[in-house]
Amino acid sequence: MLPETVRRYVERALSILTFRNLEVNASQSGQETGDATAKNNTSGMPRKEESRARGHLSASMYTDYSDSNPYQHELGKALGQENVTVELSRYDSRWKLLAVLGGRDRPDVVHLHWLSAHFVTSYRSATALRGARLLVELAVLRLSGIRVVWTVHNLFEHERRCPRVELVVKRLASRLVNVLITHCERASETVADTLRLSESKRQSVVAVPHGHYVDSYPAELDRTEARESLGYDPDETVFLYFGVIRPYKNVLKLLEAFSGVEAPGARLSVVGNPLDDDIAEAIRSAAEQDDRVRTTLEFVPDEEVQRYMHSADVVVLPYGTTLMSGAAMLAMSFGLPVVAPKAGCVGELLTASENVCYDPADPDGLTDALQTALDADLAAMGAANRRYVEQFDWETIGRRTRRLYESDDARQSR
């Protein structure tokens, strides 16, 4: 599935990295107990680099998705408060990750996000070749003394175009990075099990929560203005789907489930940019069957997000498979309750506060959840969500992430 030469190269790189770690651990055992710097050097970083880790650090985040998602921007700002200079990178060269080695100021850390986009294609052979290139890049970065951190937002590419090859590549990649970050303990277990991590490597899988979006978007419009601008009456209950529309997000299933809700005063607003024209046409066709449904099938600029959030009573996220959803955090940050399946970090997040969760295996679960939401005190639930998400502040997340930039030990990030 992967070229044999690449497998041998990666195995050789892993053996060298393991040997370096053993050397470091051996040298630590001979140090005095007061030598805190030596004790924390579990990554094989040179002593000079480690001394820098206690002062200024530089990090390159790849790939840059900040145009459509505020996550990296917020994390970068928080890391800046921790004396970490962050560059969001979209390298144009074929060996994209190795581009960091060509400049005068190469980073201390390469922080990977949404790794599938780096190598998964519609063709198995191309995915295998790009995956092999990724593994070589990771090995070279590690052998060059650069720490590599991978935030596992999703275990697989959502469209599952080449899942078997993707899994092989990610299992090997997980052994070449220093730290894997997830957004909840449930996801950490799933990631460790799926990637078949050893007991020792499992210690490098760390749960760092997803930060809130309380201050990430403008919020000048009030509820009355927002609803009037979209033509909703005060006594209507508005369900909102918000976000990019892709197959795994089950928007068509949401439209079908909503059609089974017997409530003349219920409204469904589907807002987001479809992945392709076929999905857009399918959504429009289904929405035309129910005059309670409105669609806005386009990208929504940041200043308009408030209009749809403030006009809604509850957000519905009927995802199939996902570890975490930024849309759930966005809804809660705007003080809205959420209807979503009990799965992954989304389920863990929502069941800890006041929301309507359902069993994704129940064919009537979504329709029943929508009906339950109609009878709930949605305003009180939303207010509780807004208070709950305040604990996920970016300052704390930035501080914990900085610690992971310095140490493989999960205990150091708390």
Protein backbone atom coordinates (compact mmCIF):
# COMPACT_ATOMS: atom_id res chain seq x y z
CA MET A 1 0.00 0.00 0.00
CA LEU A 2 2.98 2.29 0.68
CA PRO A 3 6.31 2.01 -1.14
CA GLU A 4 8.61 -0.42 0.71
CA THR A 5 11.49 2.07 0.63
CA VAL A 6 9.33 4.60 2.48
CA ARG A 7 8.40 2.02 5.09
CA ARG A 8 12.07 1.24 5.66
CA TYR A 9 12.93 4.95 5.84
CA VAL A 10 10.23 5.62 8.41
CA GLU A 11 11.21 2.59 10.48
CA ARG A 12 14.84 3.76 10.41
CA ALA A 13 13.82 7.26 11.46
CA LEU A 14 11.72 5.84 14.29
CA SER A 15 14.63 3.72 15.53
CA ILE A 16 16.94 6.76 15.54
CA LEU A 17 14.37 8.86 17.39
CA THR A 18 13.79 6.08 19.91
CA PHE A 19 17.54 5.74 20.46
CA ARG A 20 17.86 9.48 21.01
CA ASN A 21 15.10 9.39 23.60
CA LEU A 22 16.85 6.52 25.38
CA GLU A 23 20.08 8.53 25.41
CA VAL A 24 18.28 11.52 26.86
CA ASN A 25 16.56 9.43 29.53
CA ALA A 26 19.87 7.83 30.47
CA SER A 27 21.55 11.21 30.79
CA GLN A 28 18.65 12.46 32.91
CA SER A 29 19.03 9.62 35.38
CA GLY A 30 22.58 10.78 36.08
CA GLN A 31 21.65 14.42 36.70
CA GLU A 32 21.06 15.96 40.08
CA THR A 33 17.41 16.24 41.10
CA GLY A 34 17.60 20.02 40.98
CA ASP A 35 18.35 20.05 37.26
CA ALA A 36 14.78 20.69 36.07
CA THR A 37 15.85 21.34 32.51
CA ALA A 38 17.37 17.90 32.11
CA LYS A 39 14.36 16.22 33.70
CA ASN A 40 11.96 17.70 31.19
CA ASN A 41 14.02 16.79 28.14
CA THR A 42 12.09 13.73 26.97
CA SER A 43 11.96 14.68 23.32
CA GLY A 44 15.60 14.50 22.34
CA MET A 45 15.80 18.27 21.81
CA PRO A 46 19.34 19.68 21.99
CA ARG A 47 20.11 21.47 25.25
CA LYS A 48 20.34 24.82 23.43
CA GLU A 49 16.88 24.39 21.95
CA GLU A 50 15.48 23.38 25.31
CA SER A 51 16.80 26.50 26.98
CA ARG A 52 15.01 28.52 24.28
CA ALA A 53 11.79 26.66 25.13
CA ARG A 54 11.64 28.44 28.47
CA GLY A 55 11.75 31.78 26.71
CA HIS A 56 10.61 32.60 23.20
CA LEU A 57 9.31 29.86 20.89
CA SER A 58 8.29 29.91 17.26
CA ALA A 59 5.65 27.67 15.70
CA SER A 60 4.48 27.05 12.16
CA MET A 61 0.85 25.95 11.88
CA TYR A 62 -0.05 23.99 8.78
CA THR A 63 -2.46 24.15 6.96
CA ASP A 64 -3.88 27.66 7.34
CA TYR A 65 -7.69 27.53 7.46
CA SER A 66 -8.15 30.84 9.25
CA ASP A 67 -10.10 32.36 6.33
CA SER A 68 -13.07 30.09 7.08
CA ASN A 69 -12.49 29.02 10.67
CA PRO A 70 -11.38 31.24 13.59
CA TYR A 71 -9.85 28.33 15.54
CA GLN A 72 -6.24 28.82 14.44
CA HIS A 73 -6.48 32.61 14.72
CA GLU A 74 -7.72 32.39 18.32
CA LEU A 75 -5.13 29.76 19.23
CA GLY A 76 -2.38 31.83 17.62
CA LYS A 77 -3.38 34.91 19.62
CA ALA A 78 -3.41 32.91 22.84
CA LEU A 79 0.03 31.43 22.10
CA GLY A 80 1.30 34.94 21.41
CA GLN A 81 0.45 35.79 25.02
CA GLU A 82 2.68 32.86 25.99
CA ASN A 83 5.67 34.26 24.07
CA VAL A 84 5.15 31.99 21.07
CA THR A 85 5.38 33.50 17.60
CA VAL A 86 2.94 31.69 15.31
CA GLU A 87 3.00 31.64 11.53
CA LEU A 88 0.01 30.23 9.70
CA SER A 89 1.48 28.48 6.68
CA ARG A 90 0.30 27.58 3.20
CA TYR A 91 3.51 26.38 1.61
CA ASP A 92 3.44 26.19 -2.17
CA SER A 93 6.34 23.81 -2.71
CA ARG A 94 5.84 20.10 -3.38
CA TRP A 95 7.62 19.21 -0.12
CA LYS A 96 5.41 21.58 1.84
CA LEU A 97 6.45 20.79 5.42
CA LEU A 98 10.15 20.83 4.60
CA ALA A 99 9.82 24.44 3.42
CA VAL A 100 10.33 25.46 7.06
CA LEU A 101 13.91 24.20 6.84
CA GLY A 102 14.80 26.59 4.03
CA GLY A 103 14.48 29.88 5.86
CA ARG A 104 16.86 31.60 8.25
CA ASP A 105 14.44 31.40 11.17
CA ARG A 106 13.15 27.87 11.16
CA PRO A 107 10.47 27.17 13.78
CA ASP A 108 10.90 25.27 17.01
CA VAL A 109 7.56 23.54 16.41
CA VAL A 110 5.48 22.47 13.42
CA HIS A 111 1.85 22.19 14.48
CA LEU A 112 -0.33 20.14 12.11
CA HIS A 113 -4.07 20.65 11.71
CA TRP A 114 -6.57 18.76 9.52
CA LEU A 115 -3.90 16.37 8.34
CA SER A 116 -6.10 14.60 5.78
CA ALA A 117 -6.02 17.67 3.54
CA HIS A 118 -2.25 17.24 3.23
CA PHE A 119 -2.38 13.91 1.39
CA VAL A 120 -5.85 12.40 0.81
CA THR A 121 -7.16 12.50 -2.76
CA SER A 122 -9.86 10.69 -4.74
CA TYR A 123 -7.28 8.17 -6.01
CA ARG A 124 -5.68 5.47 -3.90
CA SER A 125 -2.31 5.54 -5.67
CA ALA A 126 -2.02 9.33 -5.41
CA THR A 127 -3.05 9.21 -1.75
CA ALA A 128 -0.40 6.56 -1.05
CA LEU A 129 2.33 8.59 -2.77
CA ARG A 130 1.37 11.80 -1.01
CA GLY A 131 1.12 9.91 2.26
CA ALA A 132 4.61 8.52 1.72
CA ARG A 133 5.91 12.02 1.09
CA LEU A 134 4.24 13.24 4.30
CA LEU A 135 5.92 10.49 6.32
CA VAL A 136 9.33 11.36 4.88
CA GLU A 137 8.73 15.03 5.72
CA LEU A 138 7.77 14.22 9.30
CA ALA A 139 10.84 12.02 9.74
CA VAL A 140 13.14 14.73 8.40
CA LEU A 141 11.57 17.37 10.65
CA ARG A 142 12.06 15.21 13.72
CA LEU A 143 15.64 14.31 12.77
CA SER A 144 16.29 18.04 12.28
CA GLY A 145 15.35 18.73 15.90
CA ILE A 146 11.96 20.31 15.17
CA ARG A 147 9.13 19.21 17.40
CA VAL A 148 5.95 18.11 15.66
CA VAL A 149 2.50 18.44 17.22
CA TRP A 150 -0.65 17.09 15.58
CA THR A 151 -4.11 18.26 16.62
CA VAL A 152 -6.48 15.47 15.59
CA HIS A 153 -9.65 17.42 14.79
CA ASN A 154 -11.04 14.49 12.81
CA LEU A 155 -9.84 10.90 12.73
CA PHE A 156 -10.65 10.46 9.03
CA GLU A 157 -11.41 12.69 6.10
CA HIS A 158 -15.17 13.15 6.19
CA GLU A 159 -15.77 11.98 2.63
CA ARG A 160 -13.80 8.76 3.29
CA ARG A 161 -12.33 8.70 -0.23
CA CYS A 162 -9.38 6.40 0.58
CA PRO A 163 -9.93 5.28 4.18
CA ARG A 164 -7.62 2.25 4.20
CA VAL A 165 -4.61 4.14 2.86
CA GLU A 166 -5.43 7.10 5.07
CA LEU A 167 -5.45 4.90 8.16
CA VAL A 168 -2.07 3.32 7.32
CA VAL A 169 -0.48 6.72 6.78
CA LYS A 170 -1.92 8.17 9.97
CA ARG A 171 -0.83 5.18 12.05
CA LEU A 172 2.74 5.71 10.87
CA ALA A 173 2.48 9.50 11.21
CA SER A 174 1.33 9.17 14.82
CA ARG A 175 4.63 7.49 15.64
CA LEU A 176 6.64 10.31 14.10
CA VAL A 177 5.04 13.22 15.97
CA ASN A 178 5.89 14.30 19.49
CA VAL A 179 2.38 14.98 20.71
CA LEU A 180 -1.17 14.31 19.52
CA ILE A 181 -3.83 16.74 20.77
CA THR A 182 -7.53 15.90 20.90
CA HIS A 183 -10.44 17.95 22.24
CA CYS A 184 -11.78 15.53 24.87
CA GLU A 185 -10.89 12.36 26.76
CA ARG A 186 -13.32 10.28 24.73
CA ALA A 187 -11.53 11.35 21.54
CA SER A 188 -8.14 10.56 23.09
CA GLU A 189 -9.23 6.97 23.70
CA THR A 190 -10.67 6.66 20.19
CA VAL A 191 -7.54 8.07 18.58
CA ALA A 192 -5.19 5.86 20.61
CA ASP A 193 -7.21 2.74 19.86
CA THR A 194 -7.71 3.43 16.15
CA LEU A 195 -4.08 4.33 15.56
CA ARG A 196 -2.95 1.31 17.63
CA LEU A 197 -0.63 3.33 19.81
CA SER A 198 1.65 1.57 22.27
CA GLU A 199 1.15 2.12 25.99
CA SER A 200 4.09 4.51 26.11
CA LYS A 201 2.91 6.48 23.05
CA ARG A 202 -0.56 6.81 24.56
CA GLN A 203 1.00 9.12 27.14
CA SER A 204 1.57 11.60 24.30
CA VAL A 205 -2.13 11.82 23.41
CA VAL A 206 -3.44 14.82 25.30
CA ALA A 207 -6.95 16.26 25.57
CA VAL A 208 -6.98 20.06 25.30
CA PRO A 209 -10.53 21.49 25.01
CA HIS A 210 -11.76 23.44 22.02
CA GLY A 211 -11.92 27.13 22.89
CA HIS A 212 -15.11 29.19 22.86
CA TYR A 213 -16.03 31.81 20.26
CA VAL A 214 -17.59 34.36 22.61
CA ASP A 215 -15.52 37.27 21.30
CA SER A 216 -14.65 35.90 17.86
CA TYR A 217 -17.54 37.41 15.89
CA PRO A 218 -19.35 40.78 15.88
CA ALA A 219 -22.50 40.80 18.03
CA GLU A 220 -24.17 44.19 17.62
CA LEU A 221 -27.54 42.94 16.36
CA ASP A 222 -30.07 41.98 19.01
CA ARG A 223 -32.60 39.17 18.68
CA THR A 224 -35.46 41.42 17.59
CA GLU A 225 -33.44 43.11 14.84
CA ALA A 226 -32.06 39.82 13.59
CA ARG A 227 -35.45 38.11 13.38
CA GLU A 228 -37.12 41.09 11.73
CA SER A 229 -34.37 41.25 9.10
CA LEU A 230 -35.02 37.61 8.18
CA GLY A 231 -38.81 37.82 8.42
CA TYR A 232 -39.40 35.61 11.47
CA ASP A 233 -42.31 36.33 13.80
CA PRO A 234 -41.60 36.65 17.55
CA ASP A 235 -43.65 33.57 18.44
CA GLU A 236 -42.05 31.22 15.91
CA THR A 237 -39.47 28.63 16.98
CA VAL A 238 -36.50 28.80 14.62
CA PHE A 239 -34.24 25.76 14.24
CA LEU A 240 -30.90 26.63 12.61
CA TYR A 241 -28.41 24.49 10.77
CA PHE A 242 -25.21 26.54 10.30
CA GLY A 243 -21.98 25.55 8.60
CA VAL A 244 -20.46 24.04 5.48
CA ILE A 245 -22.86 21.50 3.98
CA ARG A 246 -21.13 18.17 3.37
CA PRO A 247 -22.59 14.65 3.14
CA TYR A 248 -21.53 13.54 6.64
CA LYS A 249 -23.40 16.47 8.19
CA ASN A 250 -26.71 14.85 7.24
CA VAL A 251 -28.59 18.01 6.24
CA LEU A 252 -30.89 16.01 3.96
CA LYS A 253 -31.74 13.77 6.92
CA LEU A 254 -32.45 16.90 8.95
CA LEU A 255 -34.91 18.11 6.31
CA GLU A 256 -36.61 14.71 6.34
CA ALA A 257 -36.75 14.64 10.14
CA PHE A 258 -38.11 18.19 10.30
CA SER A 259 -40.93 17.27 7.94
CA GLY A 260 -42.13 14.88 10.64
CA VAL A 261 -42.39 17.65 13.25
CA GLU A 262 -46.05 18.62 13.58
CA ALA A 263 -45.76 22.25 14.62
CA PRO A 264 -47.03 25.04 12.34
CA GLY A 265 -44.96 27.60 14.28
CA ALA A 266 -41.68 25.73 13.78
CA ARG A 267 -39.19 27.03 11.22
CA LEU A 268 -35.98 25.54 9.87
CA SER A 269 -33.18 27.72 8.52
CA VAL A 270 -30.41 25.95 6.59
CA VAL A 271 -27.42 28.27 6.25
CA GLY A 272 -24.05 27.38 4.77
CA ASN A 273 -21.97 26.79 1.69
CA PRO A 274 -22.61 23.40 0.00
CA LEU A 275 -19.58 21.30 -0.89
CA ASP A 276 -20.69 21.06 -4.53
CA ASP A 277 -23.56 21.84 -6.90
CA ASP A 278 -25.13 18.39 -6.55
CA ILE A 279 -25.51 18.83 -2.80
CA ALA A 280 -26.89 22.34 -3.27
CA GLU A 281 -29.52 21.12 -5.72
CA ALA A 282 -30.53 18.24 -3.45
CA ILE A 283 -30.96 20.63 -0.51
CA ARG A 284 -33.04 23.09 -2.54
CA SER A 285 -35.26 20.33 -3.90
CA ALA A 286 -35.93 18.87 -0.44
CA ALA A 287 -36.53 22.30 1.12
CA GLU A 288 -39.17 23.13 -1.49
CA GLN A 289 -41.36 20.34 -0.07
CA ASP A 290 -41.92 22.24 3.20
CA ASP A 291 -42.78 25.94 3.24
CA ARG A 292 -41.49 26.19 6.82
CA VAL A 293 -37.92 25.72 5.54
CA ARG A 294 -35.64 28.49 4.28
CA THR A 295 -32.20 28.05 2.77
CA THR A 296 -29.21 30.37 2.46
CA LEU A 297 -26.76 28.26 0.48
CA GLU A 298 -23.68 30.45 0.42
CA PHE A 299 -20.63 31.42 2.42
CA VAL A 300 -21.52 33.65 5.35
CA PRO A 301 -19.02 36.42 6.16
CA ASP A 302 -18.02 36.93 9.79
CA GLU A 303 -20.12 40.07 10.27
CA GLU A 304 -23.28 38.21 9.19
CA VAL A 305 -22.88 35.20 11.49
CA GLN A 306 -24.63 37.12 14.28
CA ARG A 307 -27.74 37.65 12.14
CA TYR A 308 -28.43 33.94 11.85
CA MET A 309 -27.36 33.05 15.38
CA HIS A 310 -29.41 35.80 17.03
CA SER A 311 -32.47 34.96 14.93
CA ALA A 312 -32.45 31.30 16.01
CA ASP A 313 -33.88 29.58 19.08
CA VAL A 314 -31.84 26.40 18.77
CA VAL A 315 -29.04 25.05 16.54
CA VAL A 316 -29.30 21.56 15.01
CA LEU A 317 -26.14 19.62 14.12
CA PRO A 318 -27.16 16.13 12.92
CA TYR A 319 -23.63 14.97 12.09
CA GLY A 320 -22.88 11.36 11.31
CA THR A 321 -19.27 10.86 12.42
CA THR A 322 -17.10 13.53 13.97
CA LEU A 323 -14.79 13.97 16.94
CA MET A 324 -15.50 17.65 17.53
CA SER A 325 -17.64 20.42 16.07
CA GLY A 326 -16.65 24.06 16.08
CA ALA A 327 -20.27 24.83 15.13
CA ALA A 328 -21.47 23.40 18.46
CA MET A 329 -19.04 25.64 20.34
CA LEU A 330 -20.12 28.58 18.17
CA ALA A 331 -23.80 28.03 18.99
CA MET A 332 -23.12 27.76 22.70
CA SER A 333 -20.95 30.87 22.56
CA PHE A 334 -23.92 32.76 21.13
CA GLY A 335 -26.08 31.48 23.99
CA LEU A 336 -28.06 28.89 22.05
CA PRO A 337 -28.98 25.30 22.91
CA VAL A 338 -27.96 22.52 20.53
CA VAL A 339 -29.67 19.43 19.16
CA ALA A 340 -27.06 16.83 18.23
CA PRO A 341 -26.24 13.11 18.53
CA LYS A 342 -24.48 11.75 21.59
CA ALA A 343 -21.17 10.99 19.88
CA GLY A 344 -17.54 12.07 20.16
CA CYS A 345 -16.53 15.28 21.85
CA VAL A 346 -19.78 16.91 20.72
CA GLY A 347 -21.79 14.49 22.83
CA GLU A 348 -19.38 14.87 25.74
CA LEU A 349 -19.62 18.65 25.53
CA LEU A 350 -23.38 18.86 25.16
CA THR A 351 -24.37 16.33 27.82
CA ALA A 352 -22.32 18.31 30.35
CA SER A 353 -24.59 21.32 29.84
CA GLU A 354 -28.26 21.79 28.87
CA ASN A 355 -28.98 20.54 25.37
CA VAL A 356 -31.07 17.97 23.51
CA CYS A 357 -29.05 14.90 22.55
CA TYR A 358 -30.24 11.76 20.80
CA ASP A 359 -29.00 8.30 19.91
CA PRO A 360 -27.68 8.42 16.32
CA ALA A 361 -28.61 4.74 15.92
CA ASP A 362 -32.29 5.50 16.55
CA PRO A 363 -34.00 6.14 13.18
CA ASP A 364 -36.53 8.43 14.89
CA GLY A 365 -34.00 9.99 17.23
CA LEU A 366 -33.58 13.27 15.38
CA THR A 367 -37.31 13.86 14.83
CA ASP A 368 -38.01 13.09 18.50
CA ALA A 369 -35.22 15.44 19.56
CA LEU A 370 -36.65 18.27 17.46
CA GLN A 371 -40.06 17.67 19.03
CA THR A 372 -38.50 17.65 22.50
CA ALA A 373 -36.81 20.96 21.80
CA LEU A 374 -40.16 22.54 20.94
CA ASP A 375 -41.41 21.80 24.45
CA ALA A 376 -38.21 22.92 26.23
CA ASP A 377 -37.26 26.26 27.78
CA LEU A 378 -34.80 27.05 25.02
CA ALA A 379 -33.89 30.51 26.30
CA ALA A 380 -32.89 29.14 29.71
CA MET A 381 -30.92 26.30 28.09
CA GLY A 382 -29.08 28.75 25.87
CA ALA A 383 -28.21 31.01 28.78
CA ALA A 384 -26.80 27.99 30.63
CA ASN A 385 -24.69 27.11 27.60
CA ARG A 386 -23.29 30.63 27.42
CA ARG A 387 -22.18 30.44 31.05
CA TYR A 388 -20.81 26.92 30.60
CA VAL A 389 -18.48 27.71 27.68
CA GLU A 390 -16.73 30.52 29.53
CA GLN A 391 -14.48 27.90 31.13
CA PHE A 392 -13.00 27.11 27.70
CA ASP A 393 -11.03 30.33 27.50
CA TRP A 394 -8.23 30.65 24.98
CA GLU A 395 -5.76 31.96 27.56
CA THR A 396 -5.79 28.63 29.38
CA ILE A 397 -5.74 26.67 26.11
CA GLY A 398 -2.78 28.71 24.87
CA ARG A 399 -0.88 28.06 28.09
CA ARG A 400 -1.52 24.31 27.92
CA THR A 401 -0.57 24.17 24.24
CA ARG A 402 2.68 26.01 24.93
CA ARG A 403 3.57 23.40 27.54
CA LEU A 404 2.99 20.67 24.96
CA TYR A 405 5.32 22.49 22.60
CA GLU A 406 7.98 21.92 25.27
CA SER A 407 7.24 18.47 26.65
CA ASP A 408 5.83 15.12 25.49
CA ASP A 409 4.56 14.43 29.01
CA ALA A 410 0.79 14.96 29.14
CA ARG A 411 1.03 15.86 32.82
CA GLN A 412 3.00 18.97 31.90
CA SER A 413 0.03 20.41 29.97
CA ARG A 414 -2.37 20.61 32.87
